[in-house]
C-alpha atoms as a PDB file:
ATOM      1  CA  MET A   1      -7.038   2.484 -23.011  1.00  0.00           C
ATOM      2  CA  VAL A   2      -7.152   2.132 -19.061  1.00  0.00           C
ATOM      3  CA  SER A   3     -10.759   1.564 -18.766  1.00  0.00           C
ATOM      4  CA  TYR A   4     -12.789   3.560 -15.860  1.00  0.00           C
ATOM      5  CA  SER A   5     -13.675   0.228 -13.695  1.00  0.00           C
ATOM      6  CA  ALA A   6     -10.064  -0.618 -13.462  1.00  0.00           C
ATOM      7  CA  VAL A   7      -9.204   2.873 -12.357  1.00  0.00           C
ATOM      8  CA  LEU A   8     -11.792   2.690  -9.822  1.00  0.00           C
ATOM      9  CA  GLY A   9     -10.774  -0.728  -8.758  1.00  0.00           C
ATOM     10  CA  VAL A  10      -6.728   0.214  -8.268  1.00  0.00           C
ATOM     11  CA  PHE A  11      -8.852   3.095  -6.357  1.00  0.00           C
ATOM     12  CA  ALA A  12     -10.477   1.521  -3.873  1.00  0.00           C
ATOM     13  CA  VAL A  13      -7.981  -1.307  -3.267  1.00  0.00           C
ATOM     14  CA  ALA A  14      -5.244   1.336  -3.238  1.00  0.00           C
ATOM     15  CA  LEU A  15      -7.668   3.194  -0.335  1.00  0.00           C
ATOM     16  CA  ALA A  16      -8.154   0.343   1.682  1.00  0.00           C
ATOM     17  CA  LEU A  17      -4.540  -0.810   1.700  1.00  0.00           C
ATOM     18  CA  VAL A  18      -3.468   2.916   2.715  1.00  0.00           C
ATOM     19  CA  LEU A  19      -5.789   3.060   5.514  1.00  0.00           C
ATOM     20  CA  THR A  20      -5.034  -0.043   7.224  1.00  0.00           C
ATOM     21  CA  PRO A  21      -2.254   0.088   9.655  1.00  0.00           C
ATOM     22  CA  GLY A  22       1.068  -1.537   8.240  1.00  0.00           C
ATOM     23  CA  PRO A  23       4.722   0.217   8.378  1.00  0.00           C
ATOM     24  CA  ASN A  24       4.648   3.139   6.505  1.00  0.00           C
ATOM     25  CA  MET A  25       1.671   4.559   8.521  1.00  0.00           C
ATOM     26  CA  ILE A  26       3.328   3.608  11.782  1.00  0.00           C
ATOM     27  CA  TYR A  27       6.816   4.984  10.761  1.00  0.00           C
ATOM     28  CA  LEU A  28       4.721   8.281   9.224  1.00  0.00           C
ATOM     29  CA  VAL A  29       2.636   8.595  12.454  1.00  0.00           C
ATOM     30  CA  SER A  30       5.674   8.044  14.828  1.00  0.00           C
ATOM     31  CA  ARG A  31       7.771  10.515  13.241  1.00  0.00           C
ATOM     32  CA  SER A  32       5.122  13.263  12.640  1.00  0.00           C
ATOM     33  CA  ILE A  33       4.055  13.032  16.410  1.00  0.00           C
ATOM     34  CA  SER A  34       7.659  12.692  18.000  1.00  0.00           C
ATOM     35  CA  GLN A  35       9.235  15.319  15.918  1.00  0.00           C
ATOM     36  CA  GLY A  36       7.031  17.106  13.724  1.00  0.00           C
ATOM     37  CA  ARG A  37       5.116  17.784  10.505  1.00  0.00           C
ATOM     38  CA  ARG A  38       8.385  18.369   8.860  1.00  0.00           C
ATOM     39  CA  ALA A  39      10.086  15.089   9.638  1.00  0.00           C
ATOM     40  CA  GLY A  40       6.694  13.614   8.632  1.00  0.00           C
ATOM     41  CA  PHE A  41       7.057  15.152   5.095  1.00  0.00           C
ATOM     42  CA  VAL A  42      10.605  14.371   4.778  1.00  0.00           C
ATOM     43  CA  SER A  43       9.978  10.834   5.890  1.00  0.00           C
ATOM     44  CA  LEU A  44       6.888  10.599   3.420  1.00  0.00           C
ATOM     45  CA  ALA A  45       9.467  11.820   0.306  1.00  0.00           C
ATOM     46  CA  GLY A  46      11.315   8.605   0.981  1.00  0.00           C
ATOM     47  CA  VAL A  47       8.261   6.532   0.962  1.00  0.00           C
ATOM     48  CA  ALA A  48       6.922   8.077  -2.041  1.00  0.00           C
ATOM     49  CA  ILE A  49      10.516   7.377  -3.822  1.00  0.00           C
ATOM     50  CA  GLY A  50      10.151   3.704  -2.950  1.00  0.00           C
ATOM     51  CA  PHE A  51       6.527   3.997  -4.916  1.00  0.00           C
ATOM     52  CA  LEU A  52       8.263   5.111  -7.633  1.00  0.00           C
ATOM     53  CA  ILE A  53      10.952   2.286  -7.805  1.00  0.00           C
ATOM     54  CA  TYR A  54       8.229  -0.540  -7.294  1.00  0.00           C
ATOM     55  CA  LEU A  55       6.348   1.155 -10.408  1.00  0.00           C
ATOM     56  CA  THR A  56       9.377   1.023 -12.314  1.00  0.00           C
ATOM     57  CA  ALA A  57      10.476  -2.115 -11.390  1.00  0.00           C
ATOM     58  CA  THR A  58       7.342  -3.862 -11.882  1.00  0.00           C
ATOM     59  CA  ASN A  59       6.380  -2.606 -15.107  1.00  0.00           C
ATOM     60  CA  LEU A  60       9.799  -3.332 -16.671  1.00  0.00           C
ATOM     61  CA  GLY A  61      11.135  -6.098 -15.413  1.00  0.00           C
ATOM     62  CA  LEU A  62       8.753  -8.398 -13.272  1.00  0.00           C
ATOM     63  CA  ALA A  63       5.894  -8.718 -16.147  1.00  0.00           C
ATOM     64  CA  ALA A  64       8.642 -10.340 -18.440  1.00  0.00           C
ATOM     65  CA  VAL A  65       9.761 -12.851 -15.800  1.00  0.00           C
ATOM     66  CA  PHE A  66       6.439 -13.916 -14.828  1.00  0.00           C
ATOM     67  CA  THR A  67       5.387 -14.321 -18.560  1.00  0.00           C
ATOM     68  CA  ALA A  68       8.473 -16.417 -18.998  1.00  0.00           C
ATOM     69  CA  VAL A  69       7.816 -18.371 -15.750  1.00  0.00           C
ATOM     70  CA  PRO A  70       3.978 -18.518 -15.363  1.00  0.00           C
ATOM     71  CA  ALA A  71       4.166 -20.960 -12.570  1.00  0.00           C
ATOM     72  CA  LEU A  72       6.262 -17.898 -10.626  1.00  0.00           C
ATOM     73  CA  TYR A  73       3.307 -15.630 -11.166  1.00  0.00           C
ATOM     74  CA  THR A  74       1.261 -17.551 -10.022  1.00  0.00           C
ATOM     75  CA  ALA A  75       2.923 -18.981  -6.601  1.00  0.00           C
ATOM     76  CA  VAL A  76       3.310 -15.170  -6.302  1.00  0.00           C
ATOM     77  CA  LYS A  77      -0.519 -14.412  -6.604  1.00  0.00           C
ATOM     78  CA  LEU A  78      -1.291 -16.943  -4.256  1.00  0.00           C
ATOM     79  CA  ALA A  79       1.107 -15.927  -1.868  1.00  0.00           C
ATOM     80  CA  GLY A  80      -0.305 -12.553  -2.048  1.00  0.00           C
ATOM     81  CA  ALA A  81      -3.976 -13.664  -1.664  1.00  0.00           C
ATOM     82  CA  ALA A  82      -2.543 -15.557   1.558  1.00  0.00           C
ATOM     83  CA  TYR A  83      -1.217 -12.177   2.743  1.00  0.00           C
ATOM     84  CA  LEU A  84      -4.268  -9.940   2.352  1.00  0.00           C
ATOM     85  CA  ALA A  85      -6.252 -12.734   3.722  1.00  0.00           C
ATOM     86  CA  TRP A  86      -3.657 -12.475   6.799  1.00  0.00           C
ATOM     87  CA  LEU A  87      -3.940  -8.525   7.186  1.00  0.00           C
ATOM     88  CA  ALA A  88      -7.570  -8.991   7.093  1.00  0.00           C
ATOM     89  CA  VAL A  89      -7.542 -11.276   9.928  1.00  0.00           C
ATOM     90  CA  GLN A  90      -5.428  -8.738  11.640  1.00  0.00           C
ATOM     91  CA  ALA A  91      -7.010  -6.086  10.810  1.00  0.00           C
ATOM     92  CA  VAL A  92     -10.208  -7.514  12.635  1.00  0.00           C
ATOM     93  CA  ARG A  93      -7.998  -8.815  15.714  1.00  0.00           C
ATOM     94  CA  GLY A  94      -5.866  -6.045  16.165  1.00  0.00           C
ATOM     95  CA  THR A  95      -5.699  -3.885  19.549  1.00  0.00           C
ATOM     96  CA  VAL A  96      -2.728  -1.283  19.016  1.00  0.00           C
ATOM     97  CA  SER A  97      -3.224   1.908  16.985  1.00  0.00           C
ATOM     98  CA  ALA A  98      -0.875   3.211  14.843  1.00  0.00           C
ATOM     99  CA  PHE A  99      -1.374   6.787  16.468  1.00  0.00           C
ATOM    100  CA  GLU A 100      -0.499   5.370  19.614  1.00  0.00           C
ATOM    101  CA  PRO A 101       2.343   8.125  20.614  1.00  0.00           C
ATOM    102  CA  THR A 102       5.799   6.602  21.158  1.00  0.00           C
ATOM    103  CA  GLU A 103       9.003   8.082  22.203  1.00  0.00           C
ATOM    104  CA  LEU A 104      12.016   8.395  19.297  1.00  0.00           C
ATOM    105  CA  GLN A 105      15.269   9.845  19.179  1.00  0.00           C
ATOM    106  CA  GLN A 106      15.529  12.574  16.921  1.00  0.00           C
ATOM    107  CA  ASP A 107      16.874  11.868  13.418  1.00  0.00           C
ATOM    108  CA  SER A 108      18.904  14.182  11.015  1.00  0.00           C
ATOM    109  CA  ASN A 109      16.548  14.718   7.482  1.00  0.00           C
ATOM    110  CA  ARG A 110      19.112  12.343   5.984  1.00  0.00           C
ATOM    111  CA  ARG A 111      18.062   9.468   7.699  1.00  0.00           C
ATOM    112  CA  LEU A 112      14.097  10.051   7.806  1.00  0.00           C
ATOM    113  CA  PHE A 113      14.024   9.835   4.035  1.00  0.00           C
ATOM    114  CA  THR A 114      16.418   7.017   4.083  1.00  0.00           C
ATOM    115  CA  THR A 115      14.175   5.283   6.481  1.00  0.00           C
ATOM    116  CA  GLY A 116      11.071   6.115   4.391  1.00  0.00           C
ATOM    117  CA  LEU A 117      12.934   4.568   1.302  1.00  0.00           C
ATOM    118  CA  VAL A 118      14.105   1.474   3.277  1.00  0.00           C
ATOM    119  CA  THR A 119      10.390   1.032   5.391  1.00  0.00           C
ATOM    120  CA  ASN A 120       8.449   1.041   1.755  1.00  0.00           C
ATOM    121  CA  LEU A 121      10.541  -0.858  -0.220  1.00  0.00           C
ATOM    122  CA  LEU A 122      10.477  -3.767   2.469  1.00  0.00           C
ATOM    123  CA  ASN A 123       6.760  -3.269   3.086  1.00  0.00           C
ATOM    124  CA  PRO A 124       5.340  -6.667   2.233  1.00  0.00           C
ATOM    125  CA  LYS A 125       1.694  -4.668   1.784  1.00  0.00           C
ATOM    126  CA  ILE A 126       3.394  -2.603  -1.230  1.00  0.00           C
ATOM    127  CA  ALA A 127       5.207  -5.543  -2.742  1.00  0.00           C
ATOM    128  CA  ILE A 128       2.040  -7.444  -3.292  1.00  0.00           C
ATOM    129  CA  MET A 129       0.105  -4.460  -4.498  1.00  0.00           C
ATOM    130  CA  TYR A 130       2.568  -4.225  -7.136  1.00  0.00           C
ATOM    131  CA  ILE A 131       3.203  -7.836  -8.062  1.00  0.00           C
ATOM    132  CA  SER A 132      -0.236  -9.367  -7.231  1.00  0.00           C
ATOM    133  CA  VAL A 133      -2.691  -6.655  -7.505  1.00  0.00           C
ATOM    134  CA  ILE A 134      -2.499  -4.188 -10.064  1.00  0.00           C
ATOM    135  CA  PRO A 135      -1.865  -6.545 -12.930  1.00  0.00           C
ATOM    136  CA  GLN A 136      -5.373  -7.923 -12.566  1.00  0.00           C
ATOM    137  CA  PHE A 137      -6.996  -4.568 -13.648  1.00  0.00           C
ATOM    138  CA  VAL A 138      -4.399  -4.626 -16.837  1.00  0.00           C
ATOM    139  CA  ASP A 139      -6.469  -5.802 -19.967  1.00  0.00           C
ATOM    140  CA  PRO A 140      -4.318  -7.197 -22.677  1.00  0.00           C
ATOM    141  CA  ALA A 141      -6.586  -6.862 -25.081  1.00  0.00           C
ATOM    142  CA  ALA A 142      -6.743  -3.025 -24.858  1.00  0.00           C
ATOM    143  CA  GLY A 143      -3.083  -3.277 -26.069  1.00  0.00           C
ATOM    144  CA  HIS A 144      -0.064  -0.908 -24.325  1.00  0.00           C
ATOM    145  CA  ILE A 145       0.193  -2.940 -21.522  1.00  0.00           C
ATOM    146  CA  LEU A 146       3.080  -0.905 -20.361  1.00  0.00           C
ATOM    147  CA  LEU A 147       1.249   2.409 -20.454  1.00  0.00           C
ATOM    148  CA  GLN A 148      -1.624   0.377 -18.199  1.00  0.00           C
ATOM    149  CA  GLY A 149       0.815  -0.317 -15.844  1.00  0.00           C
ATOM    150  CA  PHE A 150       2.036   2.851 -15.234  1.00  0.00           C
ATOM    151  CA  THR A 151      -1.132   4.810 -15.330  1.00  0.00           C
ATOM    152  CA  LEU A 152      -2.349   2.280 -12.506  1.00  0.00           C
ATOM    153  CA  GLY A 153       0.522   2.507 -10.742  1.00  0.00           C
ATOM    154  CA  GLY A 154       0.520   5.990 -10.876  1.00  0.00           C
ATOM    155  CA  VAL A 155      -3.182   5.967  -9.542  1.00  0.00           C
ATOM    156  CA  GLN A 156      -1.912   3.989  -6.295  1.00  0.00           C
ATOM    157  CA  ILE A 157       0.709   6.468  -5.584  1.00  0.00           C
ATOM    158  CA  ALA A 158      -1.491   9.276  -5.802  1.00  0.00           C
ATOM    159  CA  VAL A 159      -3.754   7.589  -3.315  1.00  0.00           C
ATOM    160  CA  ALA A 160      -1.303   6.471  -1.121  1.00  0.00           C
ATOM    161  CA  VAL A 161       0.561   9.800  -1.060  1.00  0.00           C
ATOM    162  CA  ALA A 162      -2.438  12.078  -0.747  1.00  0.00           C
ATOM    163  CA  VAL A 163      -3.700  10.021   2.298  1.00  0.00           C
ATOM    164  CA  ASN A 164      -0.372   9.926   3.688  1.00  0.00           C
ATOM    165  CA  LEU A 165       0.282  13.731   3.848  1.00  0.00           C
ATOM    166  CA  ALA A 166      -3.150  13.827   5.157  1.00  0.00           C
ATOM    167  CA  ILE A 167      -2.228  11.675   7.884  1.00  0.00           C
ATOM    168  CA  VAL A 168       1.227  13.180   8.706  1.00  0.00           C
ATOM    169  CA  VAL A 169      -0.597  16.595   8.819  1.00  0.00           C
ATOM    170  CA  LEU A 170      -3.106  15.747  10.975  1.00  0.00           C
ATOM    171  CA  ALA A 171      -1.064  12.886  12.987  1.00  0.00           C
ATOM    172  CA  GLY A 172      -1.661  14.960  16.616  1.00  0.00           C
ATOM    173  CA  SER A 173      -5.358  15.760  16.037  1.00  0.00           C
ATOM    174  CA  ILE A 174      -6.113  12.024  15.120  1.00  0.00           C
ATOM    175  CA  ALA A 175      -4.315  10.672  18.298  1.00  0.00           C
ATOM    176  CA  ARG A 176      -5.950  12.688  20.502  1.00  0.00           C
ATOM    177  CA  PHE A 177      -9.110  12.175  18.627  1.00  0.00           C
ATOM    178  CA  LEU A 178      -8.832   7.894  18.619  1.00  0.00           C
ATOM    179  CA  ALA A 179      -7.900   8.334  22.518  1.00  0.00           C
ATOM    180  CA  VAL A 180     -11.176   8.653  23.505  1.00  0.00           C
ATOM    181  CA  ARG A 181     -13.122   7.494  21.147  1.00  0.00           C
ATOM    182  CA  PRO A 182     -11.781   3.680  20.650  1.00  0.00           C
ATOM    183  CA  THR A 183     -15.185   2.780  19.208  1.00  0.00           C
ATOM    184  CA  TRP A 184     -13.719   4.438  15.825  1.00  0.00           C
ATOM    185  CA  LEU A 185     -10.754   2.157  16.226  1.00  0.00           C
ATOM    186  CA  ARG A 186     -13.287  -1.217  16.115  1.00  0.00           C
ATOM    187  CA  VAL A 187     -15.316   0.093  13.210  1.00  0.00           C
ATOM    188  CA  GLN A 188     -12.169   0.834  10.887  1.00  0.00           C
ATOM    189  CA  ARG A 189     -10.746  -2.635  12.043  1.00  0.00           C
ATOM    190  CA  TYR A 190     -13.650  -4.731  10.539  1.00  0.00           C
ATOM    191  CA  VAL A 191     -14.471  -2.119   7.314  1.00  0.00           C
ATOM    192  CA  MET A 192     -10.483  -2.681   6.190  1.00  0.00           C
ATOM    193  CA  GLY A 193     -10.391  -6.600   7.467  1.00  0.00           C
ATOM    194  CA  THR A 194     -13.668  -7.006   5.621  1.00  0.00           C
ATOM    195  CA  VAL A 195     -12.459  -5.272   2.427  1.00  0.00           C
ATOM    196  CA  LEU A 196      -8.640  -7.009   2.421  1.00  0.00           C
ATOM    197  CA  GLY A 197     -10.423 -10.299   3.071  1.00  0.00           C
ATOM    198  CA  LEU A 198     -13.061  -9.768  -0.204  1.00  0.00           C
ATOM    199  CA  LEU A 199      -9.738  -8.499  -2.400  1.00  0.00           C
ATOM    200  CA  ALA A 200      -7.897 -11.725  -1.126  1.00  0.00           C
ATOM    201  CA  VAL A 201     -10.415 -13.677  -2.657  1.00  0.00           C
ATOM    202  CA  ARG A 202     -10.483 -12.003  -5.575  1.00  0.00           C
ATOM    203  CA  VAL A 203      -6.757 -12.709  -6.333  1.00  0.00           C
ATOM    204  CA  ALA A 204      -7.193 -15.815  -5.255  1.00  0.00           C
ATOM    205  CA  THR A 205      -9.494 -16.764  -7.916  1.00  0.00           C
ATOM    206  CA  ASP A 206      -8.507 -14.684 -10.594  1.00  0.00           C
ATOM    207  CA  GLY A 207      -7.817 -16.841 -13.707  1.00  0.00           C
ATOM    208  CA  GLY A 208      -5.863 -14.313 -15.318  1.00  0.00           C
ATOM    209  CA  LYS A 209      -2.319 -14.963 -16.594  1.00  0.00           C
ATOM    210  CA  PRO A 210       0.671 -12.519 -16.528  1.00  0.00           C
ATOM    211  CA  VAL A 211       0.796 -10.009 -18.663  1.00  0.00           C
ATOM    212  CA  PRO A 212       3.709  -9.675 -20.957  1.00  0.00           C
ATOM    213  CA  ALA A 213       5.645  -5.978 -20.671  1.00  0.00           C
END
């Protein structure tokens, strides 16, 4: 009931967003470099729970609100497109690497988990992903809207957690690699900027309507 093209679309968008430096990446990298991989794993657990909260809230509540108030859906969609366009510009213009080592105080596991959770819940990229982007790939004609939403959200979570896990494990090595190869940072910025820009156009021009849960 979920098309291959929808899964592939969400996969591509999720991959582009998770590879674009943002609050989650900066927090996970900084903790992994300054406090070790174990701290990175605990922080990632908090981030993962944040994804699950977004997934549940959007599929069980926000869809119904958007159906009742279509103007709100349109406003959120356009706001999401504008934010993605802003991210595209920032990606191209960015000069600071998320992998630049910083000195941080040592936090407890509880604080690491909580901060990871809160960082994700307050991350505009993730809010836009669930509120404005994933619904674009749901096909009302295919039926089982709720199941489609959870399935596509699951794809996003799988991609985000897998990539962030790799980042936590390789944070130190990546930081050393990029420190002597600034060209790679420029390539990453332009590629991510282009992907995010195209995504912003798609979200802004999509004529779809909110799908009922």
